[in-house]
Protein backbone atom coordinates (compact mmCIF):
# COMPACT_ATOMS: atom_id res chain seq x y z
CA MET A 1 5.27 -1.44 1.50
CA ARG A 2 4.47 2.04 2.00
CA LEU A 3 1.04 1.69 0.81
CA ALA A 4 0.63 -1.29 3.56
CA GLY A 5 0.76 1.74 6.16
CA SER A 6 -2.55 3.17 4.97
CA TYR A 7 -4.59 0.04 5.28
CA ALA A 8 -5.17 -2.32 8.18
CA VAL A 9 -3.21 -5.35 6.94
CA SER A 10 -0.26 -7.31 7.89
CA GLY A 11 2.01 -9.34 5.91
CA THR A 12 5.16 -9.37 3.61
CA VAL A 13 6.26 -8.49 0.26
CA ARG A 14 9.48 -9.73 -1.59
CA ASN A 15 11.14 -9.78 -4.84
CA CYS A 16 11.52 -13.32 -6.33
CA ASP A 17 14.45 -14.65 -8.36
CA ASP A 18 12.41 -14.97 -11.41
CA GLY A 19 11.47 -11.24 -11.36
CA SER A 20 8.27 -11.61 -9.86
CA VAL A 21 6.85 -10.16 -6.64
CA GLU A 22 5.32 -12.03 -3.73
CA LEU A 23 2.82 -10.10 -1.66
CA VAL A 24 1.01 -11.73 1.32
CA ALA A 25 -1.34 -9.64 3.02
CA GLU A 26 -3.87 -10.48 5.90
CA GLY A 27 -6.76 -8.61 7.53
CA ASP A 28 -10.36 -8.03 7.09
CA ALA A 29 -11.51 -9.05 3.64
CA ASP A 30 -12.59 -5.55 2.51
CA GLU A 31 -9.37 -3.91 3.98
CA VAL A 32 -7.27 -6.61 1.96
CA SER A 33 -9.12 -6.06 -1.19
CA ALA A 34 -8.88 -2.27 -0.99
CA PHE A 35 -5.00 -2.60 -0.42
CA VAL A 36 -4.57 -4.80 -3.35
CA ALA A 37 -6.66 -2.38 -5.42
CA ALA A 38 -4.40 0.48 -4.45
CA VAL A 39 -1.46 -1.56 -5.25
CA SER A 40 -2.69 -2.33 -8.68
CA GLY A 41 -3.80 1.36 -8.91
CA ARG A 42 -0.38 2.84 -8.24
CA LEU A 43 1.83 0.21 -9.56
CA GLY A 44 -0.25 -1.19 -12.51
CA SER A 45 2.32 -0.15 -15.11
CA TYR A 46 4.74 -2.34 -13.78
CA ILE A 47 2.46 -5.37 -13.46
CA ASP A 48 2.03 -7.86 -16.24
CA SER A 49 -0.24 -10.38 -14.59
CA MET A 50 -1.87 -11.01 -11.00
CA SER A 51 -2.90 -13.92 -9.43
CA SER A 52 -4.27 -14.48 -5.84
CA THR A 53 -5.34 -16.95 -3.31
CA ASP A 54 -7.64 -16.71 -0.45
CA ALA A 55 -7.05 -18.56 2.66
CA PRO A 56 -7.66 -18.25 6.25
CA ALA A 57 -5.17 -15.68 7.99
CA SER A 58 -2.24 -17.48 9.61
CA GLY A 59 -2.03 -14.98 12.31
CA ARG A 60 1.81 -15.10 11.94
CA PHE A 61 2.27 -11.67 10.53
CA HIS A 62 2.51 -8.58 12.72
CA GLY A 63 2.81 -5.35 10.72
CA PHE A 64 3.97 -5.40 7.24
CA ARG A 65 7.69 -5.98 6.27
CA ILE A 66 9.89 -6.65 3.15
CA THR A 67 11.33 -10.14 3.27
CA ASP A 68 14.23 -11.94 1.41
């Protein structure tokens, strides 16, 4: 969540019941890539695996927040 403030991204992050974390980020492709790289760099020791899906931005996010 805190890292998102340093990048021009919007979206959500949430802890899932299975122990995984879901991160949805929208923005310029380069900015999203830089944000994901920063998350991986900062939290990599806690990450067992990552997967990503590219899709057109929905435009439904305004800012970045934690959801349930």
